[in-house]
């Protein structure tokens, strides 16, 4: 049977992971995309390029974020965060965040470049050169559940 995770276990789980799924809406359709995140005290920090996703969240700031770890259908953990989109525009904060994400992207590109199963990337496109957007999801509600060894 699934059990509820307490606040401490949720925080540990979120620190141990860095990939989740962001849910956002245009008011009619719900979109879900995988995103890397960084945990703060009462929010998570995310990064994207300027585009449909960021424009929709500016107009519809209620969002959801889900992180899970699934071994099999009987062994899993999941945390769901509901909250609000807030674009980070303070230059001091952006100055601190940019190097962290640059380092992350360099590591990611290096690991992709060494993967022989992937095709080589095309030169940068206009989309890749779009404006960087850093934002946070301010927590409204955070819940977690896990199941281990249930048959």
N, C-alpha and C. Protein backbone atom coordinates (compact mmCIF):
# COMPACT_ATOMS: atom_id res chain seq x y z
N UNK A 1 0.84 -1.19 0.00
CA UNK A 1 0.00 0.00 0.00
C UNK A 1 0.88 1.25 0.00
N UNK A 2 0.50 2.24 -0.78
CA UNK A 2 1.27 3.49 -0.77
C UNK A 2 1.20 4.17 0.59
N UNK A 3 2.30 4.83 0.95
CA UNK A 3 2.33 5.60 2.20
C UNK A 3 2.67 7.04 1.87
N UNK A 4 2.22 7.95 2.74
CA UNK A 4 2.51 9.37 2.58
C UNK A 4 3.95 9.63 3.03
N UNK A 5 4.66 10.48 2.28
CA UNK A 5 6.00 10.91 2.69
C UNK A 5 5.87 12.15 3.54
N UNK A 6 6.64 12.21 4.64
CA UNK A 6 6.61 13.41 5.46
C UNK A 6 7.49 14.49 4.82
N UNK A 7 7.45 15.68 5.38
CA UNK A 7 8.17 16.82 4.80
C UNK A 7 9.66 16.56 4.67
N UNK A 8 10.25 15.93 5.67
CA UNK A 8 11.68 15.63 5.64
C UNK A 8 12.03 14.67 4.50
N UNK A 9 11.24 13.62 4.34
CA UNK A 9 11.49 12.64 3.28
C UNK A 9 11.27 13.26 1.90
N UNK A 10 10.29 14.15 1.79
CA UNK A 10 10.04 14.84 0.53
C UNK A 10 11.25 15.69 0.16
N UNK A 11 11.77 16.44 1.13
CA UNK A 11 12.92 17.32 0.86
C UNK A 11 14.14 16.49 0.44
N UNK A 12 14.41 15.39 1.13
CA UNK A 12 15.53 14.52 0.76
C UNK A 12 15.33 13.98 -0.65
N UNK A 13 14.12 13.53 -0.96
CA UNK A 13 13.82 13.01 -2.29
C UNK A 13 14.05 14.06 -3.37
N UNK A 14 13.59 15.29 -3.13
CA UNK A 14 13.77 16.35 -4.12
C UNK A 14 15.24 16.73 -4.29
N UNK A 15 16.02 16.65 -3.20
CA UNK A 15 17.46 16.94 -3.29
C UNK A 15 18.20 15.85 -4.07
N UNK A 16 17.75 14.61 -3.94
CA UNK A 16 18.42 13.48 -4.60
C UNK A 16 18.15 13.43 -6.11
N UNK A 17 17.13 14.15 -6.55
CA UNK A 17 16.74 14.13 -7.96
C UNK A 17 16.94 15.50 -8.59
N UNK A 18 16.92 15.54 -9.90
CA UNK A 18 17.08 16.82 -10.59
C UNK A 18 16.21 16.93 -11.84
N UNK A 19 15.40 15.92 -12.09
CA UNK A 19 14.54 15.93 -13.28
C UNK A 19 13.11 15.66 -12.86
N UNK A 20 12.21 16.48 -13.36
CA UNK A 20 10.79 16.30 -13.08
C UNK A 20 9.97 16.68 -14.30
N UNK A 21 8.66 16.77 -14.10
CA UNK A 21 7.75 17.12 -15.19
C UNK A 21 6.94 18.33 -14.78
N UNK A 22 7.00 19.35 -15.62
CA UNK A 22 6.29 20.60 -15.39
C UNK A 22 4.96 20.56 -16.11
N UNK A 23 3.88 20.83 -15.37
CA UNK A 23 2.56 20.93 -15.96
C UNK A 23 2.11 22.38 -15.96
N UNK A 24 1.66 22.85 -17.11
CA UNK A 24 1.19 24.23 -17.24
C UNK A 24 0.04 24.24 -18.24
N UNK A 25 -0.67 25.37 -18.35
CA UNK A 25 -1.86 25.40 -19.18
C UNK A 25 -1.98 26.70 -19.96
N UNK A 26 -2.75 26.64 -21.03
CA UNK A 26 -3.12 27.85 -21.75
C UNK A 26 -4.54 28.28 -21.37
N UNK A 27 -5.11 27.60 -20.38
CA UNK A 27 -6.47 27.87 -19.95
C UNK A 27 -7.44 26.80 -20.44
N UNK A 28 -7.03 26.06 -21.47
CA UNK A 28 -7.85 24.99 -22.03
C UNK A 28 -7.09 23.67 -22.05
N UNK A 29 -5.90 23.70 -22.61
CA UNK A 29 -5.09 22.50 -22.77
C UNK A 29 -4.00 22.48 -21.71
N UNK A 30 -3.73 21.29 -21.15
CA UNK A 30 -2.64 21.12 -20.19
C UNK A 30 -1.44 20.56 -20.95
N UNK A 31 -0.27 21.13 -20.69
CA UNK A 31 0.98 20.68 -21.30
C UNK A 31 1.87 20.13 -20.20
N UNK A 32 2.61 19.07 -20.50
CA UNK A 32 3.54 18.47 -19.54
C UNK A 32 4.87 18.26 -20.25
N UNK A 33 5.94 18.80 -19.66
CA UNK A 33 7.26 18.68 -20.27
C UNK A 33 8.29 18.31 -19.20
N UNK A 34 9.29 17.51 -19.57
CA UNK A 34 10.37 17.20 -18.61
C UNK A 34 11.27 18.42 -18.44
N UNK A 35 11.69 18.67 -17.21
CA UNK A 35 12.55 19.83 -16.91
C UNK A 35 13.54 19.46 -15.80
N UNK A 36 14.75 19.97 -15.92
CA UNK A 36 15.70 19.88 -14.82
C UNK A 36 15.40 21.00 -13.83
N UNK A 37 15.67 20.75 -12.56
CA UNK A 37 15.36 21.74 -11.54
C UNK A 37 16.45 21.80 -10.49
N UNK A 38 16.40 22.85 -9.71
CA UNK A 38 17.29 23.02 -8.56
C UNK A 38 16.42 23.40 -7.38
N UNK A 39 16.54 22.68 -6.27
CA UNK A 39 15.72 22.90 -5.09
C UNK A 39 16.22 24.08 -4.27
N UNK A 40 15.30 24.94 -3.85
CA UNK A 40 15.56 25.98 -2.86
C UNK A 40 14.69 25.68 -1.65
N UNK A 41 14.60 26.61 -0.70
CA UNK A 41 13.86 26.32 0.52
C UNK A 41 12.37 26.10 0.28
N UNK A 42 11.69 27.03 -0.36
CA UNK A 42 10.26 26.89 -0.61
C UNK A 42 9.91 27.05 -2.08
N UNK A 43 10.86 26.67 -2.93
CA UNK A 43 10.63 26.77 -4.36
C UNK A 43 11.65 25.91 -5.10
N UNK A 44 11.43 25.75 -6.39
CA UNK A 44 12.43 25.14 -7.25
C UNK A 44 12.75 26.13 -8.36
N UNK A 45 14.00 26.09 -8.81
CA UNK A 45 14.47 26.97 -9.88
C UNK A 45 14.55 26.14 -11.16
N UNK A 46 14.06 26.72 -12.25
CA UNK A 46 14.10 26.06 -13.55
C UNK A 46 14.62 27.04 -14.59
N UNK A 47 14.99 26.49 -15.74
CA UNK A 47 15.56 27.27 -16.83
C UNK A 47 14.91 26.84 -18.13
N UNK A 48 14.63 27.80 -18.99
CA UNK A 48 14.08 27.49 -20.30
C UNK A 48 14.50 28.58 -21.27
N UNK A 49 14.26 28.34 -22.53
CA UNK A 49 14.40 29.40 -23.51
C UNK A 49 13.05 30.07 -23.68
N UNK A 50 13.08 31.34 -24.01
CA UNK A 50 11.86 32.10 -24.28
C UNK A 50 11.04 31.37 -25.33
N UNK A 51 9.74 31.24 -25.08
CA UNK A 51 8.90 30.56 -26.06
C UNK A 51 7.49 30.37 -25.54
N UNK A 52 6.79 29.43 -26.15
CA UNK A 52 5.39 29.17 -25.82
C UNK A 52 5.20 28.87 -24.33
N UNK A 53 6.05 27.99 -23.80
CA UNK A 53 5.93 27.58 -22.40
C UNK A 53 6.01 28.78 -21.46
N UNK A 54 7.05 29.59 -21.62
CA UNK A 54 7.23 30.73 -20.71
C UNK A 54 6.13 31.76 -20.90
N UNK A 55 5.70 31.98 -22.14
CA UNK A 55 4.61 32.93 -22.38
C UNK A 55 3.31 32.46 -21.75
N UNK A 56 3.01 31.16 -21.86
CA UNK A 56 1.79 30.64 -21.26
C UNK A 56 1.83 30.74 -19.74
N UNK A 57 2.98 30.45 -19.13
CA UNK A 57 3.06 30.52 -17.66
C UNK A 57 2.96 31.96 -17.16
N UNK A 58 3.42 32.92 -17.94
CA UNK A 58 3.25 34.33 -17.55
C UNK A 58 1.77 34.68 -17.49
N UNK A 59 0.99 34.12 -18.41
CA UNK A 59 -0.45 34.41 -18.46
C UNK A 59 -1.28 33.51 -17.55
N UNK A 60 -0.77 32.33 -17.25
CA UNK A 60 -1.47 31.35 -16.40
C UNK A 60 -0.45 30.80 -15.40
N UNK A 61 -0.17 31.54 -14.31
CA UNK A 61 0.95 31.19 -13.43
C UNK A 61 0.73 29.98 -12.52
N UNK A 62 -0.47 29.44 -12.43
CA UNK A 62 -0.67 28.23 -11.62
C UNK A 62 -0.08 27.05 -12.36
N UNK A 63 0.86 26.36 -11.72
CA UNK A 63 1.56 25.25 -12.37
C UNK A 63 1.65 24.06 -11.42
N UNK A 64 2.10 22.95 -11.96
CA UNK A 64 2.30 21.73 -11.19
C UNK A 64 3.64 21.15 -11.60
N UNK A 65 4.33 20.51 -10.66
CA UNK A 65 5.61 19.87 -10.96
C UNK A 65 5.63 18.52 -10.27
N UNK A 66 6.04 17.48 -11.00
CA UNK A 66 6.05 16.13 -10.46
C UNK A 66 7.44 15.53 -10.64
N UNK A 67 7.92 14.88 -9.59
CA UNK A 67 9.20 14.18 -9.62
C UNK A 67 8.93 12.75 -9.15
N UNK A 68 9.48 11.78 -9.87
CA UNK A 68 9.27 10.40 -9.43
C UNK A 68 10.53 9.57 -9.62
N UNK A 69 10.54 8.46 -8.93
CA UNK A 69 11.59 7.45 -9.08
C UNK A 69 10.85 6.12 -9.07
N UNK A 70 10.89 5.42 -10.19
CA UNK A 70 10.12 4.19 -10.34
C UNK A 70 11.07 3.04 -10.63
N UNK A 71 11.10 2.07 -9.74
CA UNK A 71 11.87 0.85 -9.96
C UNK A 71 11.03 -0.13 -10.76
N UNK A 72 9.80 -0.33 -10.32
CA UNK A 72 8.81 -1.13 -11.03
C UNK A 72 7.45 -0.73 -10.49
N UNK A 73 6.40 -1.40 -10.94
CA UNK A 73 5.05 -0.97 -10.56
C UNK A 73 4.75 -1.14 -9.07
N UNK A 74 5.59 -1.88 -8.36
CA UNK A 74 5.39 -2.07 -6.92
C UNK A 74 6.38 -1.30 -6.05
N UNK A 75 7.33 -0.64 -6.66
CA UNK A 75 8.37 0.08 -5.91
C UNK A 75 8.61 1.43 -6.56
N UNK A 76 8.11 2.48 -5.92
CA UNK A 76 8.20 3.81 -6.50
C UNK A 76 8.06 4.89 -5.43
N UNK A 77 8.46 6.10 -5.80
CA UNK A 77 8.26 7.30 -4.99
C UNK A 77 7.83 8.40 -5.93
N UNK A 78 6.97 9.28 -5.45
CA UNK A 78 6.50 10.38 -6.28
C UNK A 78 6.19 11.59 -5.40
N UNK A 79 6.60 12.77 -5.88
CA UNK A 79 6.29 14.02 -5.19
C UNK A 79 5.59 14.94 -6.19
N UNK A 80 4.49 15.55 -5.77
CA UNK A 80 3.75 16.49 -6.60
C UNK A 80 3.74 17.85 -5.90
N UNK A 81 4.14 18.86 -6.66
CA UNK A 81 4.18 20.23 -6.16
C UNK A 81 3.17 21.04 -6.96
N UNK A 82 2.26 21.72 -6.27
CA UNK A 82 1.44 22.72 -6.94
C UNK A 82 1.94 24.07 -6.47
N UNK A 83 1.93 25.03 -7.37
CA UNK A 83 2.46 26.33 -7.02
C UNK A 83 2.27 27.35 -8.12
N UNK A 84 3.14 28.36 -8.07
CA UNK A 84 2.99 29.51 -8.95
C UNK A 84 4.30 29.86 -9.64
N UNK A 85 4.22 30.09 -10.94
CA UNK A 85 5.34 30.53 -11.76
C UNK A 85 5.73 31.95 -11.36
N UNK A 86 7.04 32.16 -11.19
CA UNK A 86 7.57 33.50 -10.95
C UNK A 86 8.86 33.63 -11.74
N UNK A 87 8.86 34.53 -12.72
CA UNK A 87 10.06 34.75 -13.52
C UNK A 87 11.10 35.47 -12.67
N UNK A 88 12.34 35.05 -12.79
CA UNK A 88 13.44 35.69 -12.06
C UNK A 88 14.00 36.79 -12.95
N UNK A 89 13.88 38.02 -12.48
CA UNK A 89 14.34 39.15 -13.27
C UNK A 89 15.39 39.98 -12.54
N UNK A 90 15.59 39.70 -11.26
CA UNK A 90 16.59 40.42 -10.46
C UNK A 90 17.98 40.08 -10.99
N UNK A 91 18.71 41.09 -11.44
CA UNK A 91 20.01 40.87 -12.09
C UNK A 91 21.02 40.18 -11.18
N UNK A 92 21.04 40.51 -9.88
CA UNK A 92 21.97 39.85 -8.95
C UNK A 92 21.71 38.35 -8.88
N UNK A 93 20.45 37.98 -8.84
CA UNK A 93 20.10 36.56 -8.78
C UNK A 93 20.44 35.86 -10.10
N UNK A 94 20.15 36.53 -11.22
CA UNK A 94 20.48 35.96 -12.53
C UNK A 94 21.98 35.76 -12.68
N UNK A 95 22.76 36.70 -12.17
CA UNK A 95 24.22 36.60 -12.24
C UNK A 95 24.72 35.36 -11.50
N UNK A 96 24.06 34.99 -10.42
CA UNK A 96 24.43 33.79 -9.67
C UNK A 96 23.96 32.51 -10.37
N UNK A 97 22.81 32.58 -11.03
CA UNK A 97 22.23 31.38 -11.64
C UNK A 97 22.86 31.01 -12.98
N UNK A 98 23.20 31.98 -13.79
CA UNK A 98 23.71 31.70 -15.14
C UNK A 98 24.90 30.75 -15.15
N UNK A 99 25.93 30.96 -14.31
CA UNK A 99 27.07 30.03 -14.34
C UNK A 99 26.70 28.60 -13.96
N UNK A 100 25.76 28.43 -13.04
CA UNK A 100 25.33 27.09 -12.64
C UNK A 100 24.70 26.35 -13.82
N UNK A 101 23.87 27.05 -14.57
CA UNK A 101 23.22 26.41 -15.70
C UNK A 101 24.16 26.24 -16.88
N UNK A 102 25.10 27.16 -17.05
CA UNK A 102 26.11 27.01 -18.10
C UNK A 102 26.94 25.77 -17.84
N UNK A 103 27.36 25.58 -16.60
CA UNK A 103 28.13 24.39 -16.22
C UNK A 103 27.31 23.12 -16.46
N UNK A 104 26.05 23.15 -16.07
CA UNK A 104 25.17 22.00 -16.28
C UNK A 104 25.05 21.67 -17.77
N UNK A 105 24.82 22.69 -18.59
CA UNK A 105 24.65 22.47 -20.03
C UNK A 105 25.94 21.94 -20.67
N UNK A 106 27.09 22.42 -20.22
CA UNK A 106 28.35 21.92 -20.75
C UNK A 106 28.53 20.44 -20.42
N UNK A 107 28.20 20.06 -19.18
CA UNK A 107 28.28 18.64 -18.79
C UNK A 107 27.31 17.80 -19.62
N UNK A 108 26.11 18.33 -19.82
CA UNK A 108 25.09 17.61 -20.58
C UNK A 108 25.55 17.42 -22.03
N UNK A 109 26.07 18.48 -22.65
CA UNK A 109 26.53 18.38 -24.03
C UNK A 109 27.70 17.41 -24.14
N UNK A 110 28.60 17.43 -23.16
CA UNK A 110 29.74 16.51 -23.19
C UNK A 110 29.27 15.07 -23.13
N UNK A 111 28.29 14.79 -22.28
CA UNK A 111 27.80 13.41 -22.18
C UNK A 111 27.05 13.01 -23.44
N UNK A 112 26.32 13.94 -24.05
CA UNK A 112 25.63 13.63 -25.31
C UNK A 112 26.62 13.42 -26.44
N UNK A 113 27.69 14.23 -26.46
CA UNK A 113 28.68 14.11 -27.53
C UNK A 113 29.39 12.77 -27.49
N UNK A 114 29.50 12.18 -26.31
CA UNK A 114 30.19 10.90 -26.19
C UNK A 114 29.26 9.71 -26.42
N UNK A 115 27.97 9.97 -26.67
CA UNK A 115 27.00 8.91 -26.90
C UNK A 115 26.95 8.58 -28.39
N UNK A 116 27.49 7.42 -28.80
CA UNK A 116 27.55 7.09 -30.23
C UNK A 116 26.19 6.81 -30.86
N UNK A 117 25.15 6.62 -30.04
CA UNK A 117 23.83 6.32 -30.59
C UNK A 117 23.09 7.57 -31.04
N UNK A 118 23.59 8.75 -30.64
CA UNK A 118 22.91 9.99 -31.00
C UNK A 118 23.49 10.59 -32.27
N UNK A 119 22.63 11.20 -33.08
CA UNK A 119 23.10 11.88 -34.28
C UNK A 119 23.76 13.19 -33.88
N UNK A 120 24.67 13.65 -34.71
CA UNK A 120 25.36 14.91 -34.45
C UNK A 120 24.37 16.06 -34.56
N UNK A 121 24.54 17.06 -33.69
CA UNK A 121 23.67 18.24 -33.67
C UNK A 121 23.94 19.15 -34.85
N UNK A 122 22.90 19.77 -35.34
CA UNK A 122 23.04 20.80 -36.38
C UNK A 122 23.56 22.07 -35.72
N UNK A 123 24.11 23.00 -36.50
CA UNK A 123 24.54 24.28 -35.93
C UNK A 123 23.38 24.99 -35.24
N UNK A 124 23.70 25.92 -34.35
CA UNK A 124 22.70 26.63 -33.56
C UNK A 124 21.64 27.25 -34.46
N UNK A 125 20.40 27.14 -34.00
CA UNK A 125 19.28 27.74 -34.73
C UNK A 125 18.83 28.98 -33.99
N UNK A 126 17.90 29.70 -34.59
CA UNK A 126 17.37 30.90 -33.93
C UNK A 126 16.74 30.53 -32.60
N UNK A 127 16.09 29.36 -32.52
CA UNK A 127 15.47 28.96 -31.26
C UNK A 127 16.53 28.76 -30.18
N UNK A 128 17.66 28.14 -30.54
CA UNK A 128 18.71 27.91 -29.56
C UNK A 128 19.33 29.22 -29.08
N UNK A 129 19.23 30.27 -29.89
CA UNK A 129 19.80 31.55 -29.51
C UNK A 129 18.76 32.45 -28.83
N UNK A 130 17.57 31.92 -28.55
CA UNK A 130 16.52 32.70 -27.91
C UNK A 130 16.93 33.11 -26.50
N UNK A 131 16.18 34.05 -25.95
CA UNK A 131 16.46 34.57 -24.62
C UNK A 131 16.34 33.47 -23.56
N UNK A 132 17.30 33.47 -22.64
CA UNK A 132 17.24 32.55 -21.50
C UNK A 132 16.23 33.08 -20.49
N UNK A 133 15.43 32.18 -19.93
CA UNK A 133 14.46 32.56 -18.91
C UNK A 133 14.69 31.65 -17.70
N UNK A 134 14.99 32.27 -16.57
CA UNK A 134 15.08 31.56 -15.31
C UNK A 134 13.81 31.86 -14.54
N UNK A 135 13.24 30.82 -13.92
CA UNK A 135 12.03 31.04 -13.16
C UNK A 135 11.98 30.07 -11.99
N UNK A 136 11.11 30.39 -11.06
CA UNK A 136 10.91 29.49 -9.92
C UNK A 136 9.45 29.12 -9.84
N UNK A 137 9.24 27.99 -9.22
CA UNK A 137 7.89 27.60 -8.83
C UNK A 137 7.83 27.76 -7.33
N UNK A 138 7.01 28.69 -6.89
CA UNK A 138 6.83 28.92 -5.46
C UNK A 138 5.80 27.91 -4.97
N UNK A 139 6.19 27.13 -3.96
CA UNK A 139 5.34 26.04 -3.47
C UNK A 139 4.05 26.58 -2.85
N UNK A 140 2.95 25.98 -3.24
CA UNK A 140 1.67 26.18 -2.58
C UNK A 140 1.38 24.93 -1.75
N UNK A 141 1.44 23.77 -2.41
CA UNK A 141 1.22 22.50 -1.72
C UNK A 141 2.22 21.48 -2.26
N UNK A 142 2.78 20.68 -1.36
CA UNK A 142 3.73 19.63 -1.74
C UNK A 142 3.28 18.34 -1.06
N UNK A 143 3.08 17.30 -1.87
CA UNK A 143 2.69 16.00 -1.32
C UNK A 143 3.60 14.93 -1.92
N UNK A 144 3.76 13.86 -1.17
CA UNK A 144 4.59 12.76 -1.64
C UNK A 144 4.04 11.43 -1.18
N UNK A 145 4.26 10.43 -2.01
CA UNK A 145 3.84 9.07 -1.66
C UNK A 145 4.90 8.10 -2.14
N UNK A 146 4.93 6.95 -1.50
CA UNK A 146 5.84 5.89 -1.95
C UNK A 146 5.19 4.54 -1.72
N UNK A 147 5.72 3.58 -2.43
CA UNK A 147 5.29 2.20 -2.24
C UNK A 147 6.52 1.33 -2.39
N UNK A 148 6.62 0.35 -1.52
CA UNK A 148 7.79 -0.53 -1.56
C UNK A 148 7.36 -1.97 -1.32
N UNK A 149 7.62 -2.82 -2.29
CA UNK A 149 7.42 -4.25 -2.12
C UNK A 149 6.00 -4.74 -2.09
N UNK A 150 5.03 -3.93 -2.50
CA UNK A 150 3.63 -4.36 -2.49
C UNK A 150 3.39 -5.36 -3.61
N UNK A 151 2.68 -6.41 -3.33
CA UNK A 151 2.38 -7.42 -4.36
C UNK A 151 0.91 -7.45 -4.64
